[in-house]
Amino acid sequence: MIEHWIEHNESHIESFKEWAQKAKKDGFLDASEDILGAASKIEEANKYLNKAKEELFH
């Protein structure tokens, strides 16, 4: 299940980064930064999930 969550999060990260770029292009700089901040938090969550996966399977 953890691997699924990690992969699912990765797809969200990619999508968030794409939308942040679109927002920035359209002049919504603060919104762009907030979206990138959300992507960063998901990346952080994946670090914890990867650590948990290692702890469970090693």
Protein backbone atom coordinates (compact mmCIF):
# COMPACT_ATOMS: atom_id res chain seq x y z
CA MET A 1 0.00 0.00 0.00
CA ILE A 2 2.84 2.39 0.82
CA GLU A 3 4.27 2.06 -2.67
CA HIS A 4 0.87 2.97 -4.10
CA TRP A 5 0.68 6.07 -1.89
CA ILE A 6 4.16 7.17 -3.00
CA GLU A 7 3.30 6.74 -6.68
CA HIS A 8 -0.02 8.50 -6.21
CA ASN A 9 1.71 11.41 -4.49
CA GLU A 10 4.26 11.63 -7.31
CA SER A 11 1.47 12.15 -9.83
CA HIS A 12 0.07 14.95 -7.67
CA ILE A 13 3.48 16.58 -7.37
CA GLU A 14 3.86 16.66 -11.14
CA SER A 15 0.37 18.08 -11.58
CA PHE A 16 0.92 20.75 -8.91
CA LYS A 17 4.16 21.86 -10.55
CA GLU A 18 2.46 22.13 -13.95
CA TRP A 19 -0.36 24.22 -12.49
CA ALA A 20 2.08 26.39 -10.56
CA GLN A 21 3.85 27.18 -13.81
CA LYS A 22 0.53 28.03 -15.49
CA ALA A 23 -0.46 30.28 -12.57
CA LYS A 24 2.91 32.03 -12.69
CA LYS A 25 2.63 32.54 -16.45
CA ASP A 26 -0.79 34.14 -15.93
CA GLY A 27 0.60 36.50 -13.30
CA PHE A 28 -0.65 34.72 -10.18
CA LEU A 29 2.73 34.69 -8.49
CA ASP A 30 1.51 34.20 -4.92
CA ALA A 31 -0.78 31.35 -5.94
CA SER A 32 2.07 29.78 -7.90
CA GLU A 33 4.31 29.86 -4.83
CA ASP A 34 1.55 28.37 -2.67
CA ILE A 35 1.01 25.52 -5.12
CA LEU A 36 4.75 24.85 -5.17
CA GLY A 37 4.67 24.88 -1.36
CA ALA A 38 1.99 22.21 -1.42
CA ALA A 39 4.10 20.14 -3.82
CA SER A 40 7.03 20.47 -1.45
CA LYS A 41 4.94 19.16 1.45
CA ILE A 42 3.91 16.13 -0.60
CA GLU A 43 7.58 15.51 -1.44
CA GLU A 44 8.28 15.65 2.29
CA ALA A 45 5.47 13.17 2.94
CA ASN A 46 7.02 10.81 0.39
CA LYS A 47 10.33 10.95 2.27
CA TYR A 48 8.52 9.71 5.38
CA LEU A 49 6.65 7.06 3.41
CA ASN A 50 9.90 5.82 1.85
CA LYS A 51 11.47 5.66 5.31
CA ALA A 52 8.49 3.69 6.62
CA LYS A 53 8.71 1.33 3.65
CA GLU A 54 12.38 0.66 4.39
CA GLU A 55 11.62 0.06 8.07
CA LEU A 56 8.84 -2.37 7.25
CA PHE A 57 10.69 -4.37 4.59
CA HIS A 58 14.26 -4.50 5.87
